[in-house]
N, C-alpha and C. Protein backbone atom coordinates (compact mmCIF):
# COMPACT_ATOMS: atom_id res chain seq x y z
N MET A 1 -36.89 44.93 -33.18
CA MET A 1 -36.60 43.60 -33.67
C MET A 1 -36.09 43.37 -34.97
N LYS A 2 -35.59 44.66 -35.67
CA LYS A 2 -34.55 44.35 -37.02
C LYS A 2 -33.13 44.78 -36.61
N ARG A 3 -33.10 45.25 -35.44
CA ARG A 3 -31.75 45.50 -34.59
C ARG A 3 -31.21 44.11 -34.14
N PHE A 4 -32.09 43.31 -33.54
CA PHE A 4 -32.00 41.70 -33.07
C PHE A 4 -31.56 40.92 -34.46
N THR A 5 -32.32 41.12 -35.25
CA THR A 5 -32.14 40.25 -36.43
C THR A 5 -30.28 40.75 -37.34
N TRP A 6 -30.37 41.96 -37.31
CA TRP A 6 -29.15 42.44 -37.68
C TRP A 6 -27.64 41.68 -36.99
N ILE A 7 -27.94 41.77 -35.46
CA ILE A 7 -26.91 41.51 -34.52
C ILE A 7 -26.65 39.97 -34.93
N THR A 8 -27.91 39.06 -35.02
CA THR A 8 -27.87 37.82 -35.08
C THR A 8 -26.81 37.59 -36.42
N SER A 9 -27.31 38.20 -37.42
CA SER A 9 -27.02 38.01 -38.66
C SER A 9 -25.47 38.32 -38.51
N GLN A 10 -25.06 39.34 -37.97
CA GLN A 10 -23.65 39.64 -37.95
C GLN A 10 -22.74 38.62 -37.09
N ALA A 11 -23.39 38.54 -35.85
CA ALA A 11 -22.78 37.11 -35.50
C ALA A 11 -22.23 35.98 -36.01
N MET A 12 -23.46 35.53 -36.75
CA MET A 12 -23.26 34.40 -37.74
C MET A 12 -22.38 34.49 -38.75
N LYS A 13 -22.29 36.09 -39.12
CA LYS A 13 -20.95 35.74 -40.41
C LYS A 13 -19.68 35.62 -39.54
N ASN A 14 -19.72 36.61 -38.49
CA ASN A 14 -18.18 36.37 -37.82
C ASN A 14 -18.00 35.01 -37.31
N LEU A 15 -18.74 34.33 -36.66
CA LEU A 15 -18.82 32.83 -36.01
C LEU A 15 -18.15 31.91 -37.48
N GLY A 16 -18.80 31.95 -38.20
CA GLY A 16 -18.58 31.05 -39.41
C GLY A 16 -19.49 29.66 -39.11
N LEU A 17 -19.08 28.70 -39.81
CA LEU A 17 -20.17 27.53 -39.81
C LEU A 17 -19.70 26.77 -38.80
N LEU A 18 -18.25 26.54 -38.56
CA LEU A 18 -17.83 25.74 -37.42
C LEU A 18 -18.11 26.70 -35.99
N GLY A 19 -18.05 28.18 -35.90
CA GLY A 19 -18.46 28.80 -34.75
C GLY A 19 -20.08 28.40 -34.59
N MET A 20 -21.05 28.31 -35.65
CA MET A 20 -22.31 28.17 -35.31
C MET A 20 -22.41 26.77 -34.68
N ALA A 21 -21.67 25.45 -35.44
CA ALA A 21 -21.85 24.18 -34.82
C ALA A 21 -21.64 24.48 -33.81
N GLY A 22 -20.51 24.79 -33.31
CA GLY A 22 -20.15 24.93 -31.93
C GLY A 22 -21.12 25.63 -30.76
N VAL A 23 -21.66 27.01 -31.09
CA VAL A 23 -22.75 27.26 -30.36
C VAL A 23 -24.09 26.31 -30.58
N LEU A 24 -24.38 26.14 -31.43
CA LEU A 24 -25.52 24.57 -31.52
C LEU A 24 -25.22 23.77 -30.53
N LEU A 25 -24.00 23.21 -30.46
CA LEU A 25 -23.46 22.01 -29.33
C LEU A 25 -23.64 22.77 -28.37
N MET A 26 -23.75 23.76 -27.85
CA MET A 26 -23.16 23.92 -26.60
C MET A 26 -24.84 24.34 -25.98
N VAL A 27 -25.59 24.85 -27.13
CA VAL A 27 -27.34 24.77 -26.80
C VAL A 27 -28.07 23.73 -26.24
N PHE A 28 -27.53 22.44 -27.67
CA PHE A 28 -27.97 21.27 -27.02
C PHE A 28 -27.47 20.77 -25.84
N SER A 29 -25.94 20.78 -25.52
CA SER A 29 -25.45 20.24 -24.51
C SER A 29 -26.15 20.92 -22.96
N LEU A 30 -26.37 22.17 -23.07
CA LEU A 30 -27.19 22.49 -21.94
C LEU A 30 -28.34 22.48 -21.98
N ALA A 31 -29.24 22.15 -22.98
CA ALA A 31 -30.63 21.45 -22.80
C ALA A 31 -30.51 20.27 -22.42
N GLY A 32 -29.74 19.35 -22.54
CA GLY A 32 -29.62 18.06 -22.25
C GLY A 32 -29.13 17.80 -20.81
N TYR A 33 -27.97 18.68 -20.59
CA TYR A 33 -28.07 18.75 -19.02
C TYR A 33 -29.00 19.16 -18.13
N LEU A 34 -29.84 20.19 -18.59
CA LEU A 34 -30.76 20.47 -17.70
C LEU A 34 -31.92 19.58 -17.80
N SER A 35 -32.28 18.81 -19.04
CA SER A 35 -33.25 17.88 -18.93
C SER A 35 -32.76 16.56 -18.01
N LEU A 36 -31.82 16.43 -18.18
CA LEU A 36 -31.34 15.26 -17.37
C LEU A 36 -31.25 15.48 -15.56
N THR A 37 -30.84 16.69 -15.46
CA THR A 37 -30.63 17.24 -14.00
C THR A 37 -32.31 17.31 -13.72
N PHE A 38 -33.22 17.92 -14.40
CA PHE A 38 -34.56 17.68 -13.99
C PHE A 38 -35.06 16.41 -13.76
N TRP A 39 -34.73 15.69 -14.68
CA TRP A 39 -35.14 14.18 -14.62
C TRP A 39 -34.81 13.34 -13.60
N GLU A 40 -33.40 13.51 -13.19
CA GLU A 40 -32.81 12.63 -11.84
C GLU A 40 -33.11 13.51 -10.93
N ASN A 41 -33.51 14.47 -10.62
CA ASN A 41 -34.10 15.13 -9.26
C ASN A 41 -35.52 14.70 -8.76
N SER A 42 -36.43 14.34 -10.17
CA SER A 42 -37.50 13.94 -10.35
C SER A 42 -37.55 12.53 -9.39
N LYS A 43 -36.22 11.69 -9.98
CA LYS A 43 -35.95 9.91 -9.46
C LYS A 43 -35.68 10.47 -8.01
N LEU A 44 -34.81 11.24 -7.67
CA LEU A 44 -34.46 11.31 -6.37
C LEU A 44 -35.51 11.59 -5.53
N GLU A 45 -36.50 12.21 -5.70
CA GLU A 45 -37.56 12.80 -4.90
C GLU A 45 -38.33 11.68 -4.61
N VAL A 46 -38.45 10.53 -5.58
CA VAL A 46 -39.23 9.33 -5.83
C VAL A 46 -38.48 8.57 -4.71
N LEU A 47 -37.31 8.35 -4.63
CA LEU A 47 -36.21 7.54 -3.84
C LEU A 47 -36.31 8.00 -2.41
N ASN A 48 -36.30 9.62 -2.30
CA ASN A 48 -36.53 9.86 -1.01
C ASN A 48 -37.92 9.62 -0.46
N LEU A 49 -39.23 9.85 -1.21
CA LEU A 49 -40.49 9.31 -0.71
C LEU A 49 -40.41 7.94 -0.41
N GLU A 50 -39.86 6.87 -1.13
CA GLU A 50 -39.79 5.48 -0.98
C GLU A 50 -38.93 5.18 0.59
N VAL A 51 -37.64 6.05 0.91
CA VAL A 51 -37.11 6.12 2.22
C VAL A 51 -37.98 6.58 3.41
N SER A 52 -38.39 7.76 3.21
CA SER A 52 -39.17 8.06 4.19
C SER A 52 -40.47 7.20 4.38
N SER A 53 -40.79 6.55 3.52
CA SER A 53 -42.29 5.62 3.61
C SER A 53 -41.92 4.11 4.60
N GLU A 54 -40.24 3.63 4.08
CA GLU A 54 -39.67 2.70 4.57
C GLU A 54 -39.12 2.85 5.95
N LYS A 55 -38.81 4.45 6.32
CA LYS A 55 -38.90 4.71 7.70
C LYS A 55 -39.66 4.33 8.93
N HIS A 56 -40.80 5.05 7.81
CA HIS A 56 -42.19 5.02 8.65
C HIS A 56 -42.54 3.50 8.71
N ARG A 57 -42.54 2.53 8.05
CA ARG A 57 -42.65 1.29 8.10
C ARG A 57 -42.06 0.47 9.32
N LEU A 58 -40.74 0.93 9.36
CA LEU A 58 -39.77 0.86 10.20
C LEU A 58 -40.15 1.10 12.01
N GLU A 59 -40.34 2.25 12.06
CA GLU A 59 -41.12 2.94 12.77
C GLU A 59 -42.26 2.30 13.88
N MET A 60 -43.08 1.83 12.74
CA MET A 60 -44.41 1.41 12.85
C MET A 60 -44.10 -0.21 13.18
N SER A 61 -43.16 -0.86 13.27
CA SER A 61 -42.91 -2.23 13.61
C SER A 61 -43.16 -2.85 14.45
N ARG A 62 -43.94 -2.13 15.11
CA ARG A 62 -44.68 -2.66 16.46
C ARG A 62 -46.29 -3.28 15.76
N LEU A 63 -46.45 -3.14 14.41
CA LEU A 63 -47.32 -3.80 14.04
C LEU A 63 -47.24 -5.17 13.88
N ASN A 64 -47.84 -5.68 13.47
CA ASN A 64 -48.10 -7.73 13.66
C ASN A 64 -48.28 -7.54 11.94
N PRO A 65 -48.30 -8.60 11.72
CA PRO A 65 -48.48 -8.95 10.07
C PRO A 65 -49.75 -8.75 9.84
N GLY A 66 -50.90 -9.36 10.72
CA GLY A 66 -52.24 -8.68 10.56
C GLY A 66 -52.35 -7.25 10.28
N GLY A 67 -51.47 -6.50 10.73
CA GLY A 67 -51.45 -4.80 10.62
C GLY A 67 -52.24 -4.23 12.05
N GLU A 68 -52.36 -5.00 12.89
CA GLU A 68 -53.05 -4.44 14.47
C GLU A 68 -51.90 -4.03 15.31
N VAL A 69 -51.94 -3.15 15.85
CA VAL A 69 -50.99 -2.85 16.94
C VAL A 69 -50.98 -3.63 17.82
N THR A 70 -49.70 -4.17 18.42
CA THR A 70 -49.62 -5.14 19.78
C THR A 70 -49.48 -4.56 20.64
N SER A 71 -49.71 -5.04 22.13
CA SER A 71 -49.52 -4.42 23.26
C SER A 71 -48.05 -4.61 23.43
N PRO A 72 -47.51 -3.77 24.75
CA PRO A 72 -45.88 -4.21 24.73
C PRO A 72 -46.26 -5.68 25.62
N GLY A 73 -46.98 -6.09 26.42
CA GLY A 73 -46.94 -7.43 26.94
C GLY A 73 -47.04 -8.69 25.83
N ALA A 74 -47.82 -8.42 24.64
CA ALA A 74 -47.92 -9.17 23.57
C ALA A 74 -46.45 -9.23 22.66
N GLN A 75 -45.96 -7.99 22.71
CA GLN A 75 -44.52 -8.13 22.37
C GLN A 75 -43.79 -8.90 22.89
N LEU A 76 -43.70 -8.40 24.26
CA LEU A 76 -42.89 -9.27 25.10
C LEU A 76 -42.84 -11.04 25.26
N HIS A 77 -44.38 -11.20 24.88
CA HIS A 77 -44.74 -12.72 24.74
C HIS A 77 -43.97 -13.38 23.55
N ALA A 78 -44.01 -12.38 22.49
CA ALA A 78 -43.43 -13.19 21.20
C ALA A 78 -42.27 -13.13 20.94
N PHE A 79 -41.24 -11.98 21.91
CA PHE A 79 -39.90 -12.19 22.23
C PHE A 79 -39.75 -13.62 22.78
N TYR A 80 -40.26 -13.77 24.23
CA TYR A 80 -40.17 -15.03 24.55
C TYR A 80 -39.94 -16.23 23.85
N GLU A 81 -41.21 -16.32 23.02
CA GLU A 81 -41.67 -17.36 22.30
C GLU A 81 -40.45 -17.87 21.08
N PHE A 82 -39.82 -16.95 20.89
CA PHE A 82 -38.55 -16.94 20.00
C PHE A 82 -37.51 -18.24 20.61
N PHE A 83 -37.51 -18.14 21.86
CA PHE A 83 -36.15 -18.99 22.13
C PHE A 83 -36.87 -20.27 22.84
N PRO A 84 -36.05 -21.26 22.26
CA PRO A 84 -36.58 -22.65 22.69
C PRO A 84 -36.44 -22.69 24.12
N ALA A 85 -37.36 -23.38 24.69
CA ALA A 85 -37.77 -24.03 25.84
C ALA A 85 -36.29 -24.58 26.14
N GLN A 86 -36.09 -24.40 27.65
CA GLN A 86 -35.01 -25.32 28.08
C GLN A 86 -35.14 -26.63 28.21
N GLN A 87 -36.40 -27.53 27.64
CA GLN A 87 -36.28 -28.45 27.87
C GLN A 87 -36.08 -29.30 26.38
N THR A 88 -35.76 -28.47 25.43
CA THR A 88 -35.36 -28.69 24.24
C THR A 88 -33.78 -28.68 24.30
N ALA A 89 -33.05 -28.42 25.38
CA ALA A 89 -31.73 -28.30 25.11
C ALA A 89 -30.83 -29.84 24.52
N PRO A 90 -31.59 -30.76 24.88
CA PRO A 90 -30.67 -31.92 24.16
C PRO A 90 -30.74 -32.20 22.67
N ASN A 91 -32.07 -31.95 22.22
CA ASN A 91 -31.87 -31.88 20.93
C ASN A 91 -31.09 -30.91 20.25
N LEU A 92 -31.07 -29.60 20.55
CA LEU A 92 -29.84 -28.44 20.50
C LEU A 92 -28.57 -29.16 20.65
N PHE A 93 -28.24 -30.06 21.28
CA PHE A 93 -26.72 -30.18 21.56
C PHE A 93 -26.79 -31.46 20.60
N LYS A 94 -27.60 -32.27 20.05
CA LYS A 94 -27.41 -33.29 18.88
C LYS A 94 -27.65 -32.35 17.91
N THR A 95 -27.83 -31.42 17.45
CA THR A 95 -27.76 -30.50 16.61
C THR A 95 -26.28 -30.29 16.44
N ILE A 96 -25.74 -29.74 17.56
CA ILE A 96 -23.91 -29.16 17.49
C ILE A 96 -23.54 -31.04 17.09
N TYR A 97 -23.59 -31.86 17.56
CA TYR A 97 -23.08 -32.89 17.32
C TYR A 97 -22.89 -33.15 16.13
N SER A 98 -24.40 -33.48 15.66
CA SER A 98 -24.11 -33.77 13.98
C SER A 98 -23.87 -32.72 13.19
N ALA A 99 -23.29 -31.33 13.49
CA ALA A 99 -22.80 -30.67 12.74
C ALA A 99 -21.45 -30.84 12.68
N ALA A 100 -20.81 -31.51 14.05
CA ALA A 100 -19.14 -31.55 14.08
C ALA A 100 -19.17 -33.00 13.13
N HIS A 101 -20.27 -34.18 13.24
CA HIS A 101 -19.93 -34.96 12.27
C HIS A 101 -20.16 -34.98 10.95
N GLU A 102 -20.89 -33.90 10.31
CA GLU A 102 -20.92 -33.44 9.15
C GLU A 102 -19.58 -32.85 8.60
N GLU A 103 -18.79 -32.39 9.61
CA GLU A 103 -17.47 -31.60 9.10
C GLU A 103 -16.23 -32.37 9.75
N SER A 104 -16.70 -33.78 10.02
CA SER A 104 -15.47 -34.61 9.99
C SER A 104 -14.25 -34.13 11.17
N ILE A 105 -15.13 -33.81 12.18
CA ILE A 105 -14.44 -32.97 13.48
C ILE A 105 -14.36 -33.83 14.52
N ASN A 106 -13.20 -33.81 15.08
CA ASN A 106 -13.09 -34.59 16.15
C ASN A 106 -13.82 -33.84 17.65
N LEU A 107 -15.05 -34.62 17.81
CA LEU A 107 -15.56 -33.94 19.26
C LEU A 107 -15.24 -34.96 20.43
N ALA A 108 -14.23 -34.73 21.18
CA ALA A 108 -14.04 -35.87 22.26
C ALA A 108 -15.13 -35.54 23.21
N GLN A 109 -14.94 -34.26 23.76
CA GLN A 109 -15.95 -34.35 25.02
C GLN A 109 -16.59 -32.75 24.55
N ALA A 110 -17.31 -32.72 25.60
CA ALA A 110 -17.84 -31.23 25.62
C ALA A 110 -18.27 -31.03 27.12
N GLU A 111 -18.38 -29.76 27.71
CA GLU A 111 -18.42 -29.25 28.99
C GLU A 111 -19.60 -28.48 28.97
N TYR A 112 -20.76 -28.61 29.51
CA TYR A 112 -22.35 -27.86 29.18
C TYR A 112 -22.34 -26.87 30.90
N LYS A 113 -22.78 -25.83 31.00
CA LYS A 113 -23.12 -25.46 32.18
C LYS A 113 -24.14 -24.33 32.00
N PHE A 114 -25.45 -24.74 32.70
CA PHE A 114 -26.60 -23.94 32.58
C PHE A 114 -26.40 -22.66 33.64
N ILE A 115 -26.57 -21.38 33.20
CA ILE A 115 -26.43 -19.96 33.56
C ILE A 115 -28.07 -19.54 33.97
N PRO A 116 -28.61 -19.80 35.16
CA PRO A 116 -29.79 -19.43 35.26
C PRO A 116 -30.13 -17.91 34.97
N ALA A 117 -31.43 -17.65 34.67
CA ALA A 117 -31.64 -15.73 34.38
C ALA A 117 -31.61 -15.16 35.64
N LYS A 118 -31.08 -14.24 35.63
CA LYS A 118 -31.18 -13.32 37.10
C LYS A 118 -32.16 -12.61 36.99
N SER A 119 -32.78 -12.15 36.06
CA SER A 119 -33.91 -11.55 35.92
C SER A 119 -34.63 -12.05 34.59
N GLY A 120 -35.73 -12.12 34.41
CA GLY A 120 -36.54 -12.41 33.35
C GLY A 120 -36.45 -13.55 32.96
N ARG A 121 -36.96 -14.35 31.81
CA ARG A 121 -37.10 -15.51 31.70
C ARG A 121 -36.07 -16.41 30.50
N ILE A 122 -34.90 -15.72 30.49
CA ILE A 122 -33.83 -16.08 29.70
C ILE A 122 -32.70 -16.51 30.48
N GLY A 123 -32.66 -17.67 30.11
CA GLY A 123 -31.17 -18.56 31.09
C GLY A 123 -30.47 -18.87 29.57
N SER A 124 -29.25 -19.21 29.73
CA SER A 124 -28.58 -19.68 28.59
C SER A 124 -27.65 -21.23 29.12
N TYR A 125 -27.22 -21.99 28.46
CA TYR A 125 -26.23 -22.84 28.57
C TYR A 125 -24.86 -22.59 27.88
N GLN A 126 -23.94 -22.26 28.49
CA GLN A 126 -22.69 -22.43 28.57
C GLN A 126 -21.92 -23.66 27.92
N VAL A 127 -21.43 -23.67 26.50
CA VAL A 127 -20.82 -24.89 25.77
C VAL A 127 -19.32 -24.67 25.61
N ASN A 128 -18.60 -25.42 26.26
CA ASN A 128 -17.18 -25.52 25.79
C ASN A 128 -16.80 -26.77 25.05
N LEU A 129 -16.39 -26.43 23.86
CA LEU A 129 -16.28 -27.88 22.78
C LEU A 129 -14.56 -27.48 22.61
N PRO A 130 -14.03 -28.49 23.06
CA PRO A 130 -12.69 -28.57 22.58
C PRO A 130 -12.55 -29.79 21.25
N VAL A 131 -12.30 -29.02 20.21
CA VAL A 131 -12.08 -29.88 18.78
C VAL A 131 -11.38 -30.20 17.87
N ARG A 132 -11.03 -30.79 17.17
CA ARG A 132 -9.54 -31.09 16.12
C ARG A 132 -9.98 -31.19 15.12
N GLY A 133 -9.35 -30.69 14.32
CA GLY A 133 -9.75 -30.53 12.80
C GLY A 133 -8.77 -29.47 11.93
N SER A 134 -9.37 -29.38 10.50
CA SER A 134 -8.21 -28.35 9.75
C SER A 134 -9.08 -27.28 10.28
N TYR A 135 -8.87 -25.72 9.74
CA TYR A 135 -9.22 -24.52 10.07
C TYR A 135 -10.53 -24.81 9.28
N ILE A 136 -10.51 -24.79 7.64
CA ILE A 136 -11.75 -24.76 7.35
C ILE A 136 -13.10 -25.73 7.54
N GLN A 137 -12.61 -26.82 8.59
CA GLN A 137 -13.24 -27.73 8.92
C GLN A 137 -14.16 -26.67 10.18
N ILE A 138 -13.38 -26.49 11.11
CA ILE A 138 -13.76 -25.65 12.31
C ILE A 138 -14.55 -24.55 11.90
N ARG A 139 -14.17 -23.58 10.83
CA ARG A 139 -14.68 -22.90 10.56
C ARG A 139 -16.57 -22.84 9.82
N LYS A 140 -16.34 -23.92 9.12
CA LYS A 140 -17.63 -24.63 8.62
C LYS A 140 -18.49 -25.09 9.60
N PHE A 141 -18.06 -25.51 10.73
CA PHE A 141 -18.61 -26.32 12.13
C PHE A 141 -19.07 -25.24 12.46
N ILE A 142 -18.37 -24.08 12.87
CA ILE A 142 -19.49 -22.59 13.69
C ILE A 142 -20.25 -22.59 12.63
N VAL A 143 -20.18 -21.77 11.33
CA VAL A 143 -20.97 -21.51 10.67
C VAL A 143 -22.10 -22.47 10.77
N LYS A 144 -21.92 -23.92 10.64
CA LYS A 144 -23.45 -24.50 10.71
C LYS A 144 -24.21 -24.80 11.90
N VAL A 145 -23.41 -24.33 12.99
CA VAL A 145 -23.99 -24.21 14.47
C VAL A 145 -24.69 -22.83 14.48
N MET A 146 -24.07 -22.01 14.34
CA MET A 146 -24.46 -20.74 13.97
C MET A 146 -26.11 -20.81 13.43
N ASN A 147 -25.87 -21.18 12.37
CA ASN A 147 -27.31 -21.11 11.17
C ASN A 147 -28.30 -22.52 11.71
N SER A 148 -27.94 -23.22 12.47
CA SER A 148 -29.03 -24.42 13.02
C SER A 148 -29.48 -23.99 14.17
N VAL A 149 -28.64 -23.56 15.16
CA VAL A 149 -29.20 -22.91 16.42
C VAL A 149 -29.38 -21.47 16.14
N PRO A 150 -30.33 -20.85 16.13
CA PRO A 150 -30.24 -19.31 16.00
C PRO A 150 -30.34 -18.56 17.37
N THR A 151 -30.56 -19.16 18.17
CA THR A 151 -30.01 -18.27 19.69
C THR A 151 -28.55 -18.71 19.88
N ALA A 152 -27.80 -19.47 19.55
CA ALA A 152 -26.40 -19.49 19.75
C ALA A 152 -25.61 -18.26 19.42
N ALA A 153 -24.78 -18.13 20.45
CA ALA A 153 -23.81 -16.98 20.02
C ALA A 153 -22.34 -17.34 20.44
N LEU A 154 -21.69 -16.97 19.62
CA LEU A 154 -20.22 -17.37 19.64
C LEU A 154 -19.17 -16.44 20.71
N GLN A 155 -19.32 -16.84 21.74
CA GLN A 155 -18.42 -16.27 22.59
C GLN A 155 -16.95 -16.20 22.58
N GLU A 156 -16.29 -17.36 22.14
CA GLU A 156 -14.76 -17.28 22.22
C GLU A 156 -14.19 -18.55 21.16
N VAL A 157 -13.43 -18.46 20.45
CA VAL A 157 -12.22 -19.35 19.68
C VAL A 157 -10.96 -19.13 20.19
N SER A 158 -10.59 -20.47 20.49
CA SER A 158 -8.64 -20.08 20.10
C SER A 158 -8.28 -21.13 19.74
N PHE A 159 -7.42 -21.06 18.63
CA PHE A 159 -6.99 -21.94 17.91
C PHE A 159 -5.53 -22.50 18.55
N ARG A 160 -4.97 -23.39 18.23
CA ARG A 160 -3.87 -24.02 18.74
C ARG A 160 -3.14 -25.41 17.81
N ARG A 161 -2.03 -25.12 17.45
CA ARG A 161 -1.08 -26.15 16.61
C ARG A 161 0.14 -26.59 17.20
N GLU A 162 0.35 -28.25 17.45
CA GLU A 162 1.08 -28.82 17.83
C GLU A 162 2.41 -28.36 17.16
N ALA A 163 2.47 -28.50 15.71
CA ALA A 163 3.58 -28.30 15.04
C ALA A 163 3.07 -27.65 14.03
N VAL A 164 4.06 -26.90 13.25
CA VAL A 164 3.78 -25.98 11.74
C VAL A 164 3.76 -26.89 10.93
N SER A 165 4.29 -28.03 10.91
CA SER A 165 3.99 -28.95 9.82
C SER A 165 2.78 -29.64 9.75
N ARG A 166 1.97 -29.64 10.92
CA ARG A 166 0.67 -30.57 11.16
C ARG A 166 -0.39 -29.60 10.50
N ALA A 167 -1.12 -30.37 9.61
CA ALA A 167 -2.48 -29.47 8.93
C ALA A 167 -3.67 -29.30 10.15
N ASP A 168 -3.68 -30.55 11.00
CA ASP A 168 -5.12 -30.33 11.85
C ASP A 168 -4.76 -29.02 13.16
N LEU A 169 -5.71 -28.42 13.81
CA LEU A 169 -5.53 -27.64 14.71
C LEU A 169 -6.55 -28.19 16.02
N GLU A 170 -6.15 -27.40 17.07
CA GLU A 170 -6.76 -27.69 18.30
C GLU A 170 -7.21 -26.49 18.31
N ALA A 171 -8.75 -26.83 18.72
CA ALA A 171 -9.68 -25.22 19.18
C ALA A 171 -10.42 -25.35 20.43
N LYS A 172 -10.91 -24.54 20.88
CA LYS A 172 -11.53 -24.35 22.04
C LYS A 172 -12.63 -23.38 21.71
N ILE A 173 -13.68 -23.76 21.39
CA ILE A 173 -14.96 -23.02 21.33
C ILE A 173 -16.03 -23.04 22.05
N ARG A 174 -16.49 -21.63 22.51
CA ARG A 174 -17.38 -21.57 23.89
C ARG A 174 -18.46 -20.65 22.93
N PHE A 175 -19.63 -21.57 23.16
CA PHE A 175 -20.97 -20.66 22.59
C PHE A 175 -21.69 -20.72 23.89
N SER A 176 -22.62 -19.86 23.84
CA SER A 176 -23.99 -19.74 24.78
C SER A 176 -25.33 -19.69 23.97
N ILE A 177 -25.63 -20.81 24.39
CA ILE A 177 -27.35 -20.72 23.77
C ILE A 177 -28.03 -20.25 24.77
N TYR A 178 -28.98 -19.48 24.12
CA TYR A 178 -30.08 -19.03 25.04
C TYR A 178 -31.37 -19.37 25.12
N MET A 179 -31.97 -19.66 25.91
CA MET A 179 -33.29 -20.44 26.19
C MET A 179 -34.33 -20.03 27.10
N SER A 180 -35.46 -19.92 26.84
CA SER A 180 -36.51 -19.52 27.77
C SER A 180 -36.89 -20.68 28.79
N VAL A 181 -36.80 -20.22 29.87
CA VAL A 181 -36.79 -20.78 31.22
C VAL A 181 -37.96 -20.54 31.75
N VAL A 182 -38.92 -21.70 31.96
CA VAL A 182 -40.38 -21.47 32.29
C VAL A 182 -40.22 -21.61 33.92
N ARG A 183 -40.86 -20.48 34.33
CA ARG A 183 -40.74 -20.34 36.07
C ARG A 183 -42.29 -20.56 36.73
C-alpha cells in the first residue's frame, strides 16, 4: 500500500496543479460519458419495447375496437361497408360539383361511365371532367374532391394553356369513384 501511495504522490508532483486538473477533468468526462451512455441505452431499450409492442398491435390489427378477434368474413363485410352504395352516386357527383363551385371552377360538362365489378362487389364510376381555372384553383378542387369523397382515386390530370399570357388553364381530370355494388 505504501508503494501505491508513493507512486501517486510522485505522479502528483510530476504533473503539477494543471496536470492534476486535466486528470480530474478526464476522470469526470469519462464518468459522465459512461453514465450518459448507460442512460441513453436504457431509454433505447424502452423505445425498442414500445416499437415491438406497436408492431404486435399492428399484427393484431384483426382485432376490432372491442378487442375481439373477427372472422375473415366479418372483415370482408367491414371492407365492403366502407364503400358507398351505388345508389348514392348522385350525391357524390353533387359533392364534386359543389367543390368546383367553391373554387370558382368552370365545369361545363362531365362524362360518367360505370364500370361494373368483374369479381367481388366493388364497381367504379369513371368521371372525366374538363375544367377551366387557374392552377391553384384546379389543385384545390382536386384536393377537395379527394378529401370529401374518400373512395375517389385520381387517375389522370392534364393541363393545357391556350397562350402563355393567359392566367387560366384548361385541365382534363379523371377520377375513379369506387362503390359497393349490391348483387
